[in-house]
C-alpha atoms as a PDB file:
ATOM      1  CA  MET A   1      -0.073  -0.045   0.036  1.00  0.00           C
ATOM      2  CA  GLN A   2       1.316   3.488  -0.713  1.00  0.00           C
ATOM      3  CA  HIS A   3       1.230   6.249   1.810  1.00  0.00           C
ATOM      4  CA  LEU A   4      -0.283   9.494   1.078  1.00  0.00           C
ATOM      5  CA  ARG A   5       1.963  12.565   2.074  1.00  0.00           C
ATOM      6  CA  ALA A   6       1.159  14.780   4.986  1.00  0.00           C
ATOM      7  CA  ASN A   7       0.261  17.530   2.829  1.00  0.00           C
ATOM      8  CA  THR A   8      -2.308  15.862   0.692  1.00  0.00           C
ATOM      9  CA  PRO A   9      -5.455  17.519   0.967  1.00  0.00           C
ATOM     10  CA  ARG A  10      -8.255  16.112   3.113  1.00  0.00           C
ATOM     11  CA  LEU A  11     -11.420  14.456   1.461  1.00  0.00           C
ATOM     12  CA  PRO A  12     -14.029  17.113   1.888  1.00  0.00           C
ATOM     13  CA  CYS A  13     -17.152  16.610   4.555  1.00  0.00           C
ATOM     14  CA  LEU A  14     -20.260  15.044   3.152  1.00  0.00           C
ATOM     15  CA  GLY A  15     -22.336  17.400   1.206  1.00  0.00           C
ATOM     16  CA  THR A  16     -19.583  19.717  -0.003  1.00  0.00           C
ATOM     17  CA  SER A  17     -18.395  19.826  -3.509  1.00  0.00           C
ATOM     18  CA  PRO A  18     -15.209  17.895  -3.791  1.00  0.00           C
ATOM     19  CA  PRO A  19     -12.149  19.335  -5.681  1.00  0.00           C
ATOM     20  CA  TRP A  20     -11.129  15.950  -7.154  1.00  0.00           C
ATOM     21  CA  THR A  21     -11.737  15.034 -10.508  1.00  0.00           C
ATOM     22  CA  PRO A  22     -13.436  11.571 -11.069  1.00  0.00           C
ATOM     23  CA  VAL A  23     -10.228  10.024 -12.534  1.00  0.00           C
ATOM     24  CA  VAL A  24      -8.084  11.101  -9.808  1.00  0.00           C
ATOM     25  CA  LEU A  25     -10.637  10.209  -7.057  1.00  0.00           C
ATOM     26  CA  THR A  26     -10.741   6.730  -8.728  1.00  0.00           C
ATOM     27  CA  ALA A  27      -7.044   6.218  -8.814  1.00  0.00           C
ATOM     28  CA  LEU A  28      -6.717   7.437  -5.138  1.00  0.00           C
ATOM     29  CA  MET A  29      -9.422   4.937  -3.910  1.00  0.00           C
ATOM     30  CA  GLY A  30      -7.697   2.164  -5.900  1.00  0.00           C
ATOM     31  CA  LEU A  31      -4.245   3.026  -4.410  1.00  0.00           C
ATOM     32  CA  LEU A  32      -5.965   2.917  -0.704  1.00  0.00           C
ATOM     33  CA  CYS A  33      -7.584  -0.376  -1.392  1.00  0.00           C
ATOM     34  CA  TYR A  34      -4.946  -2.033  -3.370  1.00  0.00           C
ATOM     35  CA  GLY A  35      -3.519  -4.179  -0.594  1.00  0.00           C
ATOM     36  CA  CYS A  36      -6.909  -5.361   0.381  1.00  0.00           C
ATOM     37  CA  GLN A  37      -7.904  -6.897  -3.004  1.00  0.00           C
ATOM     38  CA  SER A  38      -7.871 -10.330  -3.897  1.00  0.00           C
ATOM     39  CA  ALA A  39      -5.828 -11.779  -6.688  1.00  0.00           C
ATOM     40  CA  ALA A  40      -7.363 -11.438 -10.333  1.00  0.00           C
ATOM     41  CA  ASP A  41      -7.733 -14.000 -12.875  1.00  0.00           C
ATOM     42  CA  PRO A  42      -4.575 -15.220 -14.514  1.00  0.00           C
ATOM     43  CA  ILE A  43      -3.776 -13.605 -17.993  1.00  0.00           C
ATOM     44  CA  SER A  44      -2.149 -15.717 -20.535  1.00  0.00           C
ATOM     45  CA  GLY A  45      -2.857 -13.414 -23.653  1.00  0.00           C
ATOM     46  CA  PRO A  46      -2.606  -9.703 -24.250  1.00  0.00           C
ATOM     47  CA  VAL A  47      -2.780  -7.641 -21.105  1.00  0.00           C
ATOM     48  CA  ALA A  48      -6.050  -5.583 -20.925  1.00  0.00           C
ATOM     49  CA  GLU A  49      -6.117  -1.842 -19.880  1.00  0.00           C
ATOM     50  CA  SER A  50      -8.689  -2.760 -17.269  1.00  0.00           C
ATOM     51  CA  THR A  51      -6.006  -4.737 -15.409  1.00  0.00           C
ATOM     52  CA  PHE A  52      -4.392  -1.219 -14.591  1.00  0.00           C
ATOM     53  CA  LEU A  53      -5.506   1.666 -12.496  1.00  0.00           C
ATOM     54  CA  ALA A  54      -6.461   4.206 -15.375  1.00  0.00           C
ATOM     55  CA  SER A  55      -4.631   7.208 -14.313  1.00  0.00           C
ATOM     56  CA  THR A  56      -1.403   5.183 -14.055  1.00  0.00           C
ATOM     57  CA  ILE A  57      -1.235   3.883 -17.648  1.00  0.00           C
ATOM     58  CA  GLU A  58       1.668   4.739 -19.937  1.00  0.00           C
ATOM     59  CA  ARG A  59       2.156   3.785 -23.572  1.00  0.00           C
ATOM     60  CA  HIS A  60       4.890   3.050 -25.948  1.00  0.00           C
ATOM     61  CA  PRO A  61       4.910   5.262 -29.116  1.00  0.00           C
ATOM     62  CA  ASP A  62       2.861   2.989 -31.130  1.00  0.00           C
ATOM     63  CA  GLY A  63       0.160   3.017 -28.347  1.00  0.00           C
ATOM     64  CA  ALA A  64       0.769  -0.340 -26.973  1.00  0.00           C
ATOM     65  CA  LEU A  65       0.678  -0.587 -23.128  1.00  0.00           C
ATOM     66  CA  ALA A  66       4.038   0.179 -21.545  1.00  0.00           C
ATOM     67  CA  LYS A  67       3.503   0.648 -17.904  1.00  0.00           C
ATOM     68  CA  GLY A  68       0.916   0.604 -15.227  1.00  0.00           C
ATOM     69  CA  LEU A  69      -0.048   0.157 -11.548  1.00  0.00           C
ATOM     70  CA  LEU A  70      -2.102  -3.138 -11.189  1.00  0.00           C
ATOM     71  CA  SER A  71      -5.634  -2.815  -9.769  1.00  0.00           C
ATOM     72  CA  ALA A  72      -4.872  -6.189  -7.965  1.00  0.00           C
ATOM     73  CA  PRO A  73      -2.296  -8.647  -7.597  1.00  0.00           C
ATOM     74  CA  THR A  74      -2.496 -10.715 -11.124  1.00  0.00           C
ATOM     75  CA  THR A  75      -0.667 -13.590 -12.712  1.00  0.00           C
ATOM     76  CA  ILE A  76       0.464 -12.436 -16.297  1.00  0.00           C
ATOM     77  CA  HIS A  77       1.955 -14.960 -18.484  1.00  0.00           C
ATOM     78  CA  GLY A  78       2.697 -17.305 -15.909  1.00  0.00           C
ATOM     79  CA  MET A  79       4.279 -14.795 -13.372  1.00  0.00           C
ATOM     80  CA  PRO A  80       2.687 -13.660 -10.173  1.00  0.00           C
ATOM     81  CA  CYS A  81       2.608  -9.804 -10.311  1.00  0.00           C
ATOM     82  CA  GLN A  82       1.755  -7.075  -8.060  1.00  0.00           C
ATOM     83  CA  GLY A  83       2.242  -3.353  -8.055  1.00  0.00           C
ATOM     84  CA  TRP A  84       3.911  -1.678 -11.035  1.00  0.00           C
ATOM     85  CA  VAL A  85       4.353  -3.605 -14.361  1.00  0.00           C
ATOM     86  CA  ARG A  86       6.028  -2.710 -17.360  1.00  0.00           C
ATOM     87  CA  LEU A  87       5.488  -4.411 -20.702  1.00  0.00           C
ATOM     88  CA  LEU A  88       7.463  -4.745 -24.068  1.00  0.00           C
ATOM     89  CA  PRO A  89       5.794  -3.231 -27.247  1.00  0.00           C
ATOM     90  CA  ASP A  90       4.655  -6.881 -28.078  1.00  0.00           C
ATOM     91  CA  GLY A  91       2.983  -7.151 -24.874  1.00  0.00           C
ATOM     92  CA  ARG A  92       5.457  -9.320 -23.067  1.00  0.00           C
ATOM     93  CA  LEU A  93       6.410  -8.614 -19.330  1.00  0.00           C
ATOM     94  CA  SER A  94       9.554  -6.379 -19.021  1.00  0.00           C
ATOM     95  CA  SER A  95       9.642  -5.836 -15.135  1.00  0.00           C
ATOM     96  CA  TRP A  96       7.396  -6.248 -12.245  1.00  0.00           C
ATOM     97  CA  GLU A  97       7.206  -6.958  -8.612  1.00  0.00           C
ATOM     98  CA  LEU A  98       6.730 -10.584  -7.511  1.00  0.00           C
ATOM     99  CA  ALA A  99       3.427 -11.253  -5.779  1.00  0.00           C
ATOM    100  CA  ALA A 100       4.822 -14.701  -4.434  1.00  0.00           C
ATOM    101  CA  ASN A 101       8.174 -16.571  -4.514  1.00  0.00           C
ATOM    102  CA  THR A 102       8.876 -17.547  -7.852  1.00  0.00           C
ATOM    103  CA  THR A 103      11.415 -19.741  -9.807  1.00  0.00           C
ATOM    104  CA  ILE A 104      12.981 -18.009 -12.881  1.00  0.00           C
ATOM    105  CA  GLN A 105      15.703 -19.572 -14.946  1.00  0.00           C
ATOM    106  CA  GLY A 106      16.289 -22.023 -12.089  1.00  0.00           C
ATOM    107  CA  HIS A 107      16.529 -19.295  -9.253  1.00  0.00           C
ATOM    108  CA  GLU A 108      14.083 -19.023  -6.354  1.00  0.00           C
ATOM    109  CA  LEU A 109      13.432 -15.388  -6.044  1.00  0.00           C
ATOM    110  CA  PRO A 110      11.435 -14.034  -2.975  1.00  0.00           C
ATOM    111  CA  ALA A 111       8.042 -12.479  -3.069  1.00  0.00           C
ATOM    112  CA  ALA A 112       8.088  -8.504  -3.308  1.00  0.00           C
ATOM    113  CA  SER A 113      11.391  -8.664  -5.469  1.00  0.00           C
ATOM    114  CA  TYR A 114      11.629  -6.632  -8.477  1.00  0.00           C
ATOM    115  CA  VAL A 115      12.306  -8.451 -11.551  1.00  0.00           C
ATOM    116  CA  TRP A 116      13.851  -7.156 -15.014  1.00  0.00           C
ATOM    117  CA  LEU A 117      14.018  -9.004 -18.007  1.00  0.00           C
ATOM    118  CA  ASP A 118      15.936  -8.356 -21.432  1.00  0.00           C
ATOM    119  CA  ASP A 119      14.110  -8.075 -24.670  1.00  0.00           C
ATOM    120  CA  GLU A 120      14.449 -11.884 -25.206  1.00  0.00           C
ATOM    121  CA  ALA A 121      12.706 -12.232 -21.920  1.00  0.00           C
ATOM    122  CA  ARG A 122      15.760 -13.479 -20.156  1.00  0.00           C
ATOM    123  CA  LEU A 123      16.449 -12.758 -16.428  1.00  0.00           C
ATOM    124  CA  GLN A 124      18.633  -9.738 -16.548  1.00  0.00           C
ATOM    125  CA  THR A 125      18.438  -7.960 -12.969  1.00  0.00           C
ATOM    126  CA  CYS A 126      16.509  -8.180  -9.755  1.00  0.00           C
ATOM    127  CA  PHE A 127      16.077  -6.225  -6.701  1.00  0.00           C
ATOM    128  CA  LEU A 128      15.826  -8.795  -4.023  1.00  0.00           C
ATOM    129  CA  SER A 129      13.328  -8.198  -1.091  1.00  0.00           C
ATOM    130  CA  ARG A 130      15.474 -10.099   1.351  1.00  0.00           C
ATOM    131  CA  ASP A 131      18.989 -11.868   1.483  1.00  0.00           C
ATOM    132  CA  THR A 132      18.686 -14.766  -1.007  1.00  0.00           C
ATOM    133  CA  THR A 133      20.969 -17.762  -1.709  1.00  0.00           C
ATOM    134  CA  ILE A 134      21.881 -17.834  -5.573  1.00  0.00           C
ATOM    135  CA  GLN A 135      24.285 -20.233  -6.789  1.00  0.00           C
ATOM    136  CA  GLY A 136      25.440 -20.754  -3.340  1.00  0.00           C
ATOM    137  CA  PHE A 137      26.278 -17.171  -2.556  1.00  0.00           C
ATOM    138  CA  LEU A 138      24.253 -15.234  -0.066  1.00  0.00           C
ATOM    139  CA  CYS A 139      23.090 -12.132  -2.282  1.00  0.00           C
ATOM    140  CA  ARG A 140      22.311  -8.857  -0.280  1.00  0.00           C
ATOM    141  CA  GLY A 141      18.836  -8.013  -0.490  1.00  0.00           C
ATOM    142  CA  GLY A 142      16.273  -5.507   1.307  1.00  0.00           C
ATOM    143  CA  PRO A 143      14.434  -2.158   0.957  1.00  0.00           C
ATOM    144  CA  PHE A 144      17.538  -0.300  -0.500  1.00  0.00           C
ATOM    145  CA  LYS A 145      17.367  -1.429  -4.221  1.00  0.00           C
ATOM    146  CA  ILE A 146      20.489  -3.552  -4.339  1.00  0.00           C
ATOM    147  CA  ALA A 147      20.822  -4.970  -7.789  1.00  0.00           C
ATOM    148  CA  THR A 148      21.864  -8.723  -8.520  1.00  0.00           C
ATOM    149  CA  SER A 149      22.431  -9.278 -12.081  1.00  0.00           C
ATOM    150  CA  PHE A 150      22.500 -12.369 -14.499  1.00  0.00           C
ATOM    151  CA  HIS A 151      24.215 -13.465 -17.782  1.00  0.00           C
ATOM    152  CA  THR A 152      21.937 -14.349 -20.596  1.00  0.00           C
ATOM    153  CA  SER A 153      22.376 -18.022 -19.861  1.00  0.00           C
ATOM    154  CA  GLY A 154      20.756 -17.392 -16.547  1.00  0.00           C
ATOM    155  CA  THR A 155      23.985 -17.709 -14.522  1.00  0.00           C
ATOM    156  CA  LEU A 156      24.999 -15.178 -11.706  1.00  0.00           C
ATOM    157  CA  ARG A 157      26.890 -12.199 -13.214  1.00  0.00           C
ATOM    158  CA  ALA A 158      27.142  -9.730 -10.468  1.00  0.00           C
ATOM    159  CA  PHE A 159      25.986  -9.357  -6.702  1.00  0.00           C
ATOM    160  CA  PHE A 160      26.577  -7.841  -3.284  1.00  0.00           C
ATOM    161  CA  PRO A 161      27.562 -10.509  -0.651  1.00  0.00           C
ATOM    162  CA  ARG A 162      25.889 -10.095   2.694  1.00  0.00           C
ATOM    163  CA  ALA A 163      29.348 -11.466   4.271  1.00  0.00           C
ATOM    164  CA  PRO A 164      32.914 -11.812   2.840  1.00  0.00           C
ATOM    165  CA  VAL A 165      33.090 -14.623   0.291  1.00  0.00           C
ATOM    166  CA  THR A 166      35.913 -16.535  -1.061  1.00  0.00           C
ATOM    167  CA  ILE A 167      35.954 -17.310  -4.826  1.00  0.00           C
ATOM    168  CA  ASP A 168      38.918 -19.070  -6.626  1.00  0.00           C
ATOM    169  CA  GLY A 169      41.053 -18.598  -3.382  1.00  0.00           C
ATOM    170  CA  ILE A 170      40.442 -14.780  -3.283  1.00  0.00           C
ATOM    171  CA  THR A 171      38.234 -13.408  -0.208  1.00  0.00           C
ATOM    172  CA  CYS A 172      36.077 -10.645  -1.443  1.00  0.00           C
ATOM    173  CA  ALA A 173      34.604  -7.775   0.790  1.00  0.00           C
ATOM    174  CA  SER A 174      30.792  -7.343   1.832  1.00  0.00           C
ATOM    175  CA  THR A 175      30.296  -3.755   0.612  1.00  0.00           C
ATOM    176  CA  THR A 176      27.336  -2.040  -1.063  1.00  0.00           C
ATOM    177  CA  GLN A 177      29.900   0.024  -3.278  1.00  0.00           C
ATOM    178  CA  ALA A 178      31.528  -2.682  -5.335  1.00  0.00           C
ATOM    179  CA  PRO A 179      29.893  -5.829  -6.447  1.00  0.00           C
ATOM    180  CA  VAL A 180      31.319  -9.374  -6.847  1.00  0.00           C
ATOM    181  CA  VAL A 181      31.464  -9.956 -10.718  1.00  0.00           C
ATOM    182  CA  LEU A 182      31.497 -13.480 -12.145  1.00  0.00           C
ATOM    183  CA  TYR A 183      32.268 -14.761 -15.481  1.00  0.00           C
ATOM    184  CA  GLU A 184      29.586 -16.952 -17.110  1.00  0.00           C
ATOM    185  CA  ASP A 185      31.266 -20.361 -15.857  1.00  0.00           C
ATOM    186  CA  GLY A 186      31.427 -18.892 -12.256  1.00  0.00           C
ATOM    187  CA  LYS A 187      34.972 -17.921 -12.147  1.00  0.00           C
ATOM    188  CA  LEU A 188      35.879 -14.373 -10.441  1.00  0.00           C
ATOM    189  CA  ALA A 189      36.028 -11.447 -12.726  1.00  0.00           C
ATOM    190  CA  SER A 190      36.121  -8.517 -10.165  1.00  0.00           C
ATOM    191  CA  CYS A 191      35.724  -7.604  -6.483  1.00  0.00           C
ATOM    192  CA  ARG A 192      37.042  -5.535  -3.636  1.00  0.00           C
ATOM    193  CA  LEU A 193      39.337  -7.304  -1.666  1.00  0.00           C
ATOM    194  CA  ALA A 194      38.496  -8.198   2.005  1.00  0.00           C
ATOM    195  CA  THR A 195      42.223  -8.991   2.952  1.00  0.00           C
ATOM    196  CA  ASP A 196      45.753  -8.377   1.638  1.00  0.00           C
ATOM    197  CA  THR A 197      45.947 -10.762  -1.237  1.00  0.00           C
ATOM    198  CA  THR A 198      48.628 -12.170  -3.231  1.00  0.00           C
ATOM    199  CA  ILE A 199      48.289 -12.645  -6.900  1.00  0.00           C
ATOM    200  CA  HIS A 200      50.562 -14.274  -9.080  1.00  0.00           C
ATOM    201  CA  GLY A 201      53.362 -13.112  -6.720  1.00  0.00           C
ATOM    202  CA  ALA A 202      52.044  -9.451  -6.477  1.00  0.00           C
ATOM    203  CA  THR A 203      50.616  -8.268  -3.167  1.00  0.00           C
ATOM    204  CA  VAL A 204      47.361  -6.334  -3.471  1.00  0.00           C
ATOM    205  CA  ARG A 205      46.172  -4.376  -0.302  1.00  0.00           C
ATOM    206  CA  SER A 206      42.881  -5.038   1.431  1.00  0.00           C
ATOM    207  CA  GLY A 207      40.093  -2.506   0.031  1.00  0.00           C
ATOM    208  CA  SER A 208      41.574  -2.637  -3.446  1.00  0.00           C
ATOM    209  CA  THR A 209      39.251  -3.432  -6.357  1.00  0.00           C
ATOM    210  CA  ILE A 210      40.896  -6.177  -8.681  1.00  0.00           C
ATOM    211  CA  HIS A 211      39.827  -7.253 -12.268  1.00  0.00           C
ATOM    212  CA  LEU A 212      40.637 -10.703 -13.378  1.00  0.00           C
ATOM    213  CA  ALA A 213      41.105 -12.372 -16.747  1.00  0.00           C
ATOM    214  CA  PRO A 214      39.369 -15.699 -17.261  1.00  0.00           C
ATOM    215  CA  ASP A 215      42.653 -17.414 -16.534  1.00  0.00           C
ATOM    216  CA  GLY A 216      42.935 -15.615 -13.157  1.00  0.00           C
ATOM    217  CA  HIS A 217      45.546 -13.100 -14.152  1.00  0.00           C
ATOM    218  CA  ARG A 218      45.237  -9.576 -12.977  1.00  0.00           C
ATOM    219  CA  ILE A 219      44.198  -7.017 -15.734  1.00  0.00           C
ATOM    220  CA  GLU A 220      43.344  -3.417 -15.652  1.00  0.00           C
ATOM    221  CA  ALA A 221      39.708  -2.224 -15.273  1.00  0.00           C
ATOM    222  CA  PRO A 222      37.699  -2.817 -18.445  1.00  0.00           C
ATOM    223  CA  ARG A 223      36.762   0.259 -20.042  1.00  0.00           C
END
């Protein structure tokens, strides 16, 4: 449920002329009641405009639905959705908030996480609602919009660990400033060091951000 700001005008007393237009009032009541509504029927085909609150709908240049706030939790193309939903011009899901725990490309993602797909409907990025184990790593989640991203194959690409994590013999720091980045095969590509580390005979200080080639040799930061 979304919260109204403190300076939002009060609804008028019964019998006075309300300053609200019908569209604004309808949208406001929908927002207030959103969390109280039961799930709508699943949608397997094109998403109808009536699925969204009318005043929240945005469109692509060709007029197709692009974005809107669902009037109730709804399963769209097999995915449990709630809140804001974005659609590609052809009507496929682009991003949404999960209304239930859901497995996507082999990863179980918790309810209330935000999911983004690429143009081929492959998992690209998610903002986890809570700490979640993916490929054996505890990925940081919560209310602060921390991204976890994936390769097109579905394997983990980048994440922010909740605690220091050791990959390929290198201990990576737990920080929200520098993600741990992996190659598609799971080898370490980049991270911020949690400890002084010797890499091929050279000692690198704790707190340094390193970038590695697929064979494990240190390289300059990719441009």
